[in-house]
N, C-alpha and C. Protein backbone atom coordinates (compact mmCIF):
# COMPACT_ATOMS: atom_id res chain seq x y z
N MET A 1 13.20 10.30 -9.88
CA MET A 1 13.40 10.51 -8.44
C MET A 1 11.94 10.58 -7.80
N LYS A 2 11.77 10.11 -6.69
CA LYS A 2 10.55 10.18 -5.92
C LYS A 2 10.71 11.42 -4.93
N ILE A 3 9.64 12.30 -5.11
CA ILE A 3 9.59 13.62 -4.40
C ILE A 3 8.31 13.70 -3.57
N ALA A 4 8.45 14.07 -2.27
CA ALA A 4 7.41 14.34 -1.34
C ALA A 4 7.18 15.89 -1.55
N VAL A 5 5.90 16.26 -1.64
CA VAL A 5 5.51 17.62 -1.64
C VAL A 5 4.47 17.82 -0.54
N ALA A 6 4.63 19.03 0.08
CA ALA A 6 3.50 19.45 1.15
C ALA A 6 3.50 20.90 1.23
N SER A 7 2.43 21.42 1.80
CA SER A 7 2.27 22.75 1.92
C SER A 7 1.33 23.08 2.97
N ASP A 8 0.93 24.28 3.17
CA ASP A 8 -0.18 24.83 3.91
C ASP A 8 -1.04 25.50 3.02
N HIS A 9 -2.15 26.26 3.40
CA HIS A 9 -3.09 26.91 2.53
C HIS A 9 -2.22 28.01 1.84
N ALA A 10 -1.31 28.68 2.43
CA ALA A 10 -0.54 29.75 1.77
C ALA A 10 0.40 29.25 0.64
N GLY A 11 0.77 28.01 0.72
CA GLY A 11 1.54 27.48 -0.46
C GLY A 11 0.99 26.50 -1.35
N PHE A 12 -0.43 26.33 -1.15
CA PHE A 12 -1.08 25.43 -1.90
C PHE A 12 -1.05 25.64 -3.49
N ALA A 13 -1.22 26.80 -3.90
CA ALA A 13 -1.24 27.05 -5.31
C ALA A 13 0.09 26.76 -6.03
N LEU A 14 1.10 27.28 -5.28
CA LEU A 14 2.49 27.11 -5.70
C LEU A 14 2.86 25.57 -5.67
N LYS A 15 2.33 24.85 -4.68
CA LYS A 15 2.71 23.45 -4.65
C LYS A 15 2.02 22.72 -5.81
N GLU A 16 0.93 23.09 -6.36
CA GLU A 16 0.32 22.55 -7.43
C GLU A 16 1.12 22.75 -8.72
N GLU A 17 1.77 23.95 -8.78
CA GLU A 17 2.57 24.32 -9.91
C GLU A 17 3.88 23.44 -9.88
N VAL A 18 4.49 23.33 -8.75
CA VAL A 18 5.67 22.56 -8.58
C VAL A 18 5.45 21.12 -8.92
N LYS A 19 4.31 20.57 -8.45
CA LYS A 19 3.96 19.19 -8.77
C LYS A 19 3.96 18.93 -10.39
N THR A 20 3.39 19.88 -11.00
CA THR A 20 3.23 19.86 -12.54
C THR A 20 4.60 19.86 -13.10
N LEU A 21 5.52 20.70 -12.63
CA LEU A 21 6.88 20.79 -13.14
C LEU A 21 7.67 19.53 -12.96
N LEU A 22 7.60 19.00 -11.72
CA LEU A 22 8.23 17.79 -11.39
C LEU A 22 7.83 16.61 -12.19
N GLU A 23 6.53 16.47 -12.39
CA GLU A 23 5.97 15.34 -13.10
C GLU A 23 6.33 15.49 -14.58
N LYS A 24 6.37 16.67 -15.18
CA LYS A 24 6.90 16.96 -16.54
C LYS A 24 8.33 16.53 -16.80
N LYS A 25 9.07 16.57 -15.60
CA LYS A 25 10.51 16.25 -15.70
C LYS A 25 10.75 14.88 -15.35
N GLY A 26 9.63 14.09 -15.20
CA GLY A 26 9.66 12.58 -15.08
C GLY A 26 9.87 12.04 -13.57
N HIS A 27 9.62 13.01 -12.68
CA HIS A 27 9.67 12.55 -11.23
C HIS A 27 8.33 12.00 -10.85
N GLU A 28 8.44 11.11 -9.86
CA GLU A 28 7.15 10.58 -9.14
C GLU A 28 6.99 11.43 -7.94
N VAL A 29 5.82 12.03 -7.92
CA VAL A 29 5.46 12.99 -6.78
C VAL A 29 4.43 12.34 -5.91
N LEU A 30 4.70 12.44 -4.53
CA LEU A 30 3.82 12.04 -3.48
C LEU A 30 3.33 13.35 -2.82
N ASP A 31 2.08 13.67 -2.95
CA ASP A 31 1.49 14.88 -2.42
C ASP A 31 0.89 14.56 -1.15
N PHE A 32 1.48 15.10 -0.10
CA PHE A 32 0.99 15.00 1.34
C PHE A 32 -0.06 15.91 1.70
N GLY A 33 -0.50 16.80 0.78
CA GLY A 33 -1.54 17.81 1.07
C GLY A 33 -1.01 19.13 1.47
N PRO A 34 -1.92 20.06 1.68
CA PRO A 34 -3.46 19.78 1.57
C PRO A 34 -3.90 19.75 0.22
N ASN A 35 -5.29 19.53 0.03
CA ASN A 35 -5.86 19.44 -1.21
C ASN A 35 -6.72 20.69 -1.68
N CYS A 36 -6.63 21.72 -0.90
CA CYS A 36 -7.36 22.98 -1.20
C CYS A 36 -6.71 24.11 -0.39
N GLU A 37 -7.21 25.27 -0.72
CA GLU A 37 -6.64 26.46 -0.01
C GLU A 37 -7.35 26.81 1.28
N ASP A 38 -8.18 25.95 1.84
CA ASP A 38 -8.84 26.25 3.09
C ASP A 38 -7.85 26.34 4.20
N PRO A 39 -7.84 27.21 5.26
CA PRO A 39 -6.92 27.31 6.33
C PRO A 39 -6.57 25.97 6.84
N CYS A 40 -5.38 25.83 7.17
CA CYS A 40 -5.01 24.56 7.76
C CYS A 40 -3.63 24.78 8.58
N ASP A 41 -3.27 23.69 9.35
CA ASP A 41 -2.08 23.86 10.13
C ASP A 41 -0.95 23.10 9.40
N LEU A 42 0.17 23.82 9.16
CA LEU A 42 1.35 23.30 8.41
C LEU A 42 1.89 21.97 8.96
N PRO A 43 2.07 21.72 10.19
CA PRO A 43 2.62 20.48 10.72
C PRO A 43 1.76 19.29 10.20
N ASP A 44 0.53 19.46 10.04
CA ASP A 44 -0.29 18.28 9.74
C ASP A 44 0.13 17.70 8.25
N PHE A 45 0.65 18.43 7.47
CA PHE A 45 1.13 18.01 6.12
C PHE A 45 2.73 17.86 6.05
N VAL A 46 3.43 18.77 6.59
CA VAL A 46 4.78 18.74 6.36
C VAL A 46 5.51 17.67 7.23
N TYR A 47 5.01 17.47 8.35
CA TYR A 47 5.42 16.26 9.14
C TYR A 47 5.42 14.97 8.55
N PRO A 48 4.21 14.49 8.11
CA PRO A 48 4.23 13.25 7.42
C PRO A 48 5.12 13.24 6.24
N ALA A 49 5.19 14.28 5.48
CA ALA A 49 6.09 14.34 4.33
C ALA A 49 7.65 14.26 4.76
N THR A 50 7.93 14.87 5.84
CA THR A 50 9.29 14.82 6.40
C THR A 50 9.54 13.29 6.83
N LEU A 51 8.69 12.73 7.38
CA LEU A 51 8.90 11.37 7.79
C LEU A 51 9.20 10.46 6.60
N ALA A 52 8.60 10.73 5.49
CA ALA A 52 8.67 9.96 4.26
C ALA A 52 10.18 10.22 3.67
N VAL A 53 10.81 11.33 3.87
CA VAL A 53 12.15 11.67 3.57
C VAL A 53 13.04 10.82 4.52
N SER A 54 12.77 11.06 5.83
CA SER A 54 13.60 10.38 6.73
C SER A 54 13.62 8.85 6.71
N GLU A 55 12.49 8.31 6.35
CA GLU A 55 12.38 6.74 6.28
C GLU A 55 12.86 6.30 4.86
N GLY A 56 13.27 7.20 4.00
CA GLY A 56 13.69 6.68 2.70
C GLY A 56 12.53 6.29 1.73
N LYS A 57 11.40 6.59 1.96
CA LYS A 57 10.24 6.34 1.17
C LYS A 57 10.24 7.18 -0.07
N VAL A 58 10.91 8.40 0.01
CA VAL A 58 11.11 9.33 -0.96
C VAL A 58 12.54 9.69 -1.01
N ASP A 59 12.97 10.29 -2.27
CA ASP A 59 14.32 10.67 -2.26
C ASP A 59 14.56 12.09 -1.73
N ARG A 60 13.62 13.01 -1.92
CA ARG A 60 13.66 14.33 -1.42
C ARG A 60 12.32 14.85 -1.22
N GLY A 61 12.30 16.13 -0.56
CA GLY A 61 10.91 16.82 -0.36
C GLY A 61 11.11 18.20 -0.62
N ILE A 62 9.87 18.72 -1.05
CA ILE A 62 9.69 20.18 -1.44
C ILE A 62 8.51 20.59 -0.57
N PHE A 63 8.73 21.53 0.32
CA PHE A 63 7.68 21.97 1.12
C PHE A 63 7.47 23.52 0.93
N ILE A 64 6.24 23.92 0.93
CA ILE A 64 5.86 25.36 0.62
C ILE A 64 4.95 25.89 1.55
N ASP A 65 5.27 26.93 2.20
CA ASP A 65 4.36 27.65 3.16
C ASP A 65 4.51 29.11 2.75
N GLY A 66 4.01 29.92 3.68
CA GLY A 66 4.03 31.42 3.52
C GLY A 66 5.42 32.02 3.23
N VAL A 67 6.46 31.59 4.17
CA VAL A 67 7.81 32.24 3.89
C VAL A 67 8.90 31.05 3.78
N GLY A 68 8.45 29.84 4.04
CA GLY A 68 9.31 28.71 3.99
C GLY A 68 10.00 28.29 5.32
N TYR A 69 10.08 29.33 6.30
CA TYR A 69 10.67 28.90 7.53
C TYR A 69 9.96 27.91 8.50
N GLY A 70 8.71 27.99 8.48
CA GLY A 70 7.87 27.02 9.23
C GLY A 70 8.12 25.59 8.80
N SER A 71 8.17 25.43 7.54
CA SER A 71 8.45 24.09 6.93
C SER A 71 9.76 23.64 7.27
N ALA A 72 10.84 24.46 7.17
CA ALA A 72 12.21 24.11 7.65
C ALA A 72 12.36 23.77 8.97
N MET A 73 11.67 24.55 9.80
CA MET A 73 11.78 24.24 11.33
C MET A 73 11.13 22.92 11.55
N ILE A 74 10.07 22.55 10.97
CA ILE A 74 9.51 21.20 11.20
C ILE A 74 10.54 20.10 10.62
N ALA A 75 10.80 20.24 9.44
CA ALA A 75 11.70 19.29 8.80
C ALA A 75 13.06 19.03 9.51
N ASN A 76 13.65 20.06 9.98
CA ASN A 76 14.96 19.86 10.55
C ASN A 76 14.88 19.36 11.94
N LYS A 77 13.71 19.05 12.51
CA LYS A 77 13.58 18.39 13.84
C LYS A 77 13.70 16.89 13.67
N VAL A 78 13.65 16.43 12.47
CA VAL A 78 13.63 14.93 12.19
C VAL A 78 14.97 14.42 11.67
N TYR A 79 15.40 13.34 12.26
CA TYR A 79 16.61 12.59 12.07
C TYR A 79 16.61 12.41 10.47
N GLY A 80 17.84 12.71 9.95
CA GLY A 80 18.15 12.35 8.49
C GLY A 80 17.55 13.35 7.50
N VAL A 81 16.96 14.42 7.96
CA VAL A 81 16.42 15.46 7.05
C VAL A 81 17.14 16.76 7.20
N TYR A 82 17.50 17.31 6.07
CA TYR A 82 18.32 18.45 6.11
C TYR A 82 17.67 19.46 5.05
N ALA A 83 16.98 20.39 5.67
CA ALA A 83 16.15 21.25 4.91
C ALA A 83 16.71 22.70 4.81
N ALA A 84 16.57 23.30 3.71
CA ALA A 84 16.96 24.74 3.41
C ALA A 84 15.91 25.55 2.90
N VAL A 85 15.80 26.81 3.29
CA VAL A 85 14.94 27.66 2.81
C VAL A 85 15.63 28.52 1.65
N CYS A 86 15.18 28.41 0.44
CA CYS A 86 15.84 29.05 -0.67
C CYS A 86 14.87 30.03 -1.37
N GLN A 87 15.41 31.28 -1.54
CA GLN A 87 14.60 32.39 -2.15
C GLN A 87 15.21 32.72 -3.52
N ASP A 88 16.19 32.13 -3.85
CA ASP A 88 16.66 32.46 -5.24
C ASP A 88 17.42 31.28 -5.83
N PRO A 89 17.64 31.05 -7.13
CA PRO A 89 18.33 29.96 -7.66
C PRO A 89 19.82 29.78 -7.12
N PHE A 90 20.50 30.89 -6.88
CA PHE A 90 21.86 30.76 -6.26
C PHE A 90 21.85 30.01 -4.96
N CYS A 91 20.91 30.34 -4.14
CA CYS A 91 20.96 29.68 -2.90
C CYS A 91 20.50 28.24 -2.92
N ALA A 92 19.60 27.96 -3.94
CA ALA A 92 19.26 26.58 -4.11
C ALA A 92 20.41 25.80 -4.73
N GLU A 93 21.15 26.33 -5.53
CA GLU A 93 22.43 25.63 -6.06
C GLU A 93 23.44 25.38 -4.87
N LEU A 94 23.56 26.21 -3.93
CA LEU A 94 24.55 25.97 -2.93
C LEU A 94 23.88 25.13 -1.83
N ALA A 95 22.74 25.18 -1.65
CA ALA A 95 21.99 24.34 -0.64
C ALA A 95 22.24 22.78 -1.04
N ARG A 96 22.30 22.53 -2.31
CA ARG A 96 22.48 21.23 -2.83
C ARG A 96 24.02 20.92 -2.91
N SER A 97 24.75 21.81 -3.64
CA SER A 97 26.25 21.57 -3.96
C SER A 97 27.11 21.53 -2.78
N HIS A 98 26.85 22.41 -1.82
CA HIS A 98 27.65 22.54 -0.58
C HIS A 98 27.19 21.83 0.50
N SER A 99 25.85 21.79 0.71
CA SER A 99 25.17 21.28 1.98
C SER A 99 24.54 20.04 1.79
N ASN A 100 24.32 19.52 0.68
CA ASN A 100 23.65 18.16 0.46
C ASN A 100 22.27 18.09 1.07
N THR A 101 21.58 19.14 1.06
CA THR A 101 20.08 19.18 1.48
C THR A 101 19.29 18.14 0.71
N ASN A 102 18.25 17.65 1.54
CA ASN A 102 17.32 16.69 0.89
C ASN A 102 15.95 17.18 0.91
N VAL A 103 15.74 18.41 1.46
CA VAL A 103 14.44 19.10 1.45
C VAL A 103 14.60 20.49 1.24
N LEU A 104 13.78 20.98 0.26
CA LEU A 104 13.70 22.41 -0.21
C LEU A 104 12.56 23.03 0.48
N CYS A 105 12.65 24.24 1.03
CA CYS A 105 11.44 24.96 1.54
C CYS A 105 11.39 26.27 0.81
N ILE A 106 10.16 26.55 0.43
CA ILE A 106 10.01 27.70 -0.42
C ILE A 106 8.86 28.65 0.26
N GLY A 107 8.94 29.89 0.19
CA GLY A 107 7.87 30.87 0.55
C GLY A 107 7.00 31.29 -0.45
N GLY A 108 5.70 30.75 -0.44
CA GLY A 108 4.82 30.99 -1.49
C GLY A 108 4.24 32.40 -1.44
N LYS A 109 4.47 33.16 -0.26
CA LYS A 109 4.05 34.53 -0.16
C LYS A 109 5.04 35.63 -0.52
N ILE A 110 6.35 35.10 -0.63
CA ILE A 110 7.45 36.11 -0.78
C ILE A 110 8.12 35.99 -2.05
N ILE A 111 7.92 34.84 -2.85
CA ILE A 111 8.42 34.83 -4.29
C ILE A 111 7.37 34.41 -5.17
N GLY A 112 7.53 34.83 -6.47
CA GLY A 112 6.57 34.47 -7.49
C GLY A 112 6.75 33.08 -7.99
N SER A 113 5.81 32.68 -8.78
CA SER A 113 5.88 31.30 -9.31
C SER A 113 7.09 31.01 -10.32
N ALA A 114 7.33 32.05 -11.12
CA ALA A 114 8.41 31.90 -12.07
C ALA A 114 9.66 31.67 -11.46
N ILE A 115 10.07 32.43 -10.44
CA ILE A 115 11.33 32.28 -9.68
C ILE A 115 11.37 30.91 -8.79
N ALA A 116 10.18 30.67 -8.32
CA ALA A 116 10.02 29.33 -7.49
C ALA A 116 10.38 28.17 -8.28
N LEU A 117 9.81 28.14 -9.49
CA LEU A 117 9.99 26.92 -10.34
C LEU A 117 11.34 26.85 -10.85
N LYS A 118 12.10 27.89 -10.95
CA LYS A 118 13.55 28.00 -11.32
C LYS A 118 14.26 27.48 -10.14
N ILE A 119 13.91 27.96 -8.98
CA ILE A 119 14.59 27.38 -7.82
C ILE A 119 14.52 25.87 -7.70
N VAL A 120 13.33 25.44 -7.88
CA VAL A 120 13.09 23.92 -7.97
C VAL A 120 13.96 23.15 -8.93
N GLU A 121 14.04 23.73 -10.17
CA GLU A 121 14.74 23.09 -11.18
C GLU A 121 16.24 23.09 -10.85
N VAL A 122 16.86 24.18 -10.39
CA VAL A 122 18.23 24.22 -10.04
C VAL A 122 18.42 23.30 -8.92
N TRP A 123 17.64 23.38 -7.80
CA TRP A 123 17.87 22.40 -6.57
C TRP A 123 17.78 20.94 -6.97
N MET A 124 16.84 20.64 -7.82
CA MET A 124 16.70 19.21 -8.32
C MET A 124 17.94 18.78 -9.17
N GLU A 125 18.43 19.63 -9.96
CA GLU A 125 19.49 19.25 -10.96
C GLU A 125 20.90 19.44 -10.37
N THR A 126 21.06 20.08 -9.27
CA THR A 126 22.38 20.30 -8.69
C THR A 126 22.83 19.08 -7.85
N PRO A 127 24.02 18.53 -8.21
CA PRO A 127 24.63 17.40 -7.27
C PRO A 127 25.36 18.07 -6.16
N PHE A 128 25.44 17.16 -5.14
CA PHE A 128 26.32 17.47 -4.05
C PHE A 128 27.79 17.34 -4.42
N LEU A 129 28.63 18.13 -4.11
CA LEU A 129 30.07 18.21 -4.40
C LEU A 129 30.82 17.46 -3.35
N GLY A 130 30.34 16.29 -3.03
CA GLY A 130 31.02 15.38 -2.01
C GLY A 130 32.45 15.01 -2.25
N ASP A 131 32.84 15.14 -3.43
CA ASP A 131 34.29 14.71 -3.87
C ASP A 131 35.14 15.84 -3.50
N VAL A 132 34.58 17.01 -3.17
CA VAL A 132 35.44 18.11 -2.79
C VAL A 132 35.58 18.09 -1.24
N GLU A 133 36.74 17.93 -0.79
CA GLU A 133 37.04 17.62 0.62
C GLU A 133 36.38 18.62 1.64
N LYS A 134 36.45 19.97 1.36
CA LYS A 134 35.89 20.86 2.35
C LYS A 134 34.34 20.72 2.49
N TYR A 135 33.70 20.50 1.32
CA TYR A 135 32.24 20.28 1.49
C TYR A 135 31.87 18.92 2.21
N ARG A 136 32.57 17.84 1.87
CA ARG A 136 32.31 16.57 2.52
C ARG A 136 32.62 16.74 3.94
N ARG A 137 33.70 17.42 4.39
CA ARG A 137 34.16 17.53 5.80
C ARG A 137 33.02 18.32 6.59
N ARG A 138 32.56 19.42 5.93
CA ARG A 138 31.50 20.29 6.60
C ARG A 138 30.24 19.49 6.74
N VAL A 139 29.83 18.82 5.77
CA VAL A 139 28.53 18.10 5.87
C VAL A 139 28.67 17.00 6.87
N ASP A 140 29.78 16.28 6.99
CA ASP A 140 30.09 15.34 7.96
C ASP A 140 29.96 15.82 9.37
N LYS A 141 30.34 17.07 9.55
CA LYS A 141 30.23 17.71 10.79
C LYS A 141 28.83 17.87 11.24
N VAL A 142 27.96 18.36 10.24
CA VAL A 142 26.63 18.34 10.42
C VAL A 142 25.92 17.05 10.78
N LEU A 143 26.38 16.08 10.05
CA LEU A 143 25.84 14.75 10.22
C LEU A 143 26.21 14.24 11.78
N ALA A 144 27.31 14.71 12.29
CA ALA A 144 27.74 14.24 13.50
C ALA A 144 26.91 14.92 14.59
N ILE A 145 26.52 16.12 14.35
CA ILE A 145 25.68 16.85 15.25
C ILE A 145 24.36 16.20 15.41
N SER A 146 23.78 15.85 14.18
CA SER A 146 22.57 15.03 14.15
C SER A 146 22.55 13.79 14.90
N GLU A 147 23.72 13.02 14.69
CA GLU A 147 23.81 11.75 15.40
C GLU A 147 23.85 11.96 16.90
N LYS A 148 24.46 13.11 17.30
CA LYS A 148 24.57 13.28 18.71
C LYS A 148 23.12 13.75 19.41
N HIS A 149 22.48 14.52 18.66
CA HIS A 149 21.31 15.22 19.26
C HIS A 149 19.86 14.74 18.75
N LEU A 150 19.81 14.06 17.63
CA LEU A 150 18.49 13.59 17.20
C LEU A 150 18.43 12.13 17.28
N LYS A 151 17.23 11.63 17.51
CA LYS A 151 17.04 10.25 17.44
C LYS A 151 16.55 9.67 16.13
N LYS A 152 17.09 8.57 15.81
CA LYS A 152 16.58 7.79 14.67
C LYS A 152 15.17 7.27 14.93
N LEU A 153 14.40 7.25 13.77
CA LEU A 153 13.00 6.76 14.07
C LEU A 153 13.07 5.36 14.55
N SER A 154 13.94 4.58 14.08
CA SER A 154 13.98 3.13 14.61
C SER A 154 14.30 3.07 16.08
N ASP A 155 14.91 4.15 16.68
CA ASP A 155 15.25 4.08 18.12
C ASP A 155 14.19 4.74 18.99
N ILE A 156 13.07 5.11 18.41
CA ILE A 156 11.92 5.64 19.16
C ILE A 156 11.03 4.56 19.62
């Protein structure tokens, strides 16, 4: 799978660990930055990575900032991107299996690297339960909201 990763300075160190894990598992990683821990603005890195997910240039995205919510707020503004903040493996499993998320957001200041790497593993390995009618129905309702309120990049 091709995965976009991005962070800000608060998530940089954990992003580097996540990249290593993903590459060891055979995934292709596109790093949208930053390339160091110098102070920076999250949208400068997460927005381009989000566009790569939206445009289908990557299969999924993993974004890491201080608490994860800034990345999720940015990502969920873009058509075709469904981001969840996960702070434990159980939430990561449900974010994939029940909600079919394509972006994982993690807070580098609130969870340690061992649990973060487990979250990434679980999220990457969990399939969407789209053959279960209630999950497909619920996700379809979210997709309908997106169709109503967000613009496709091709329409801009």
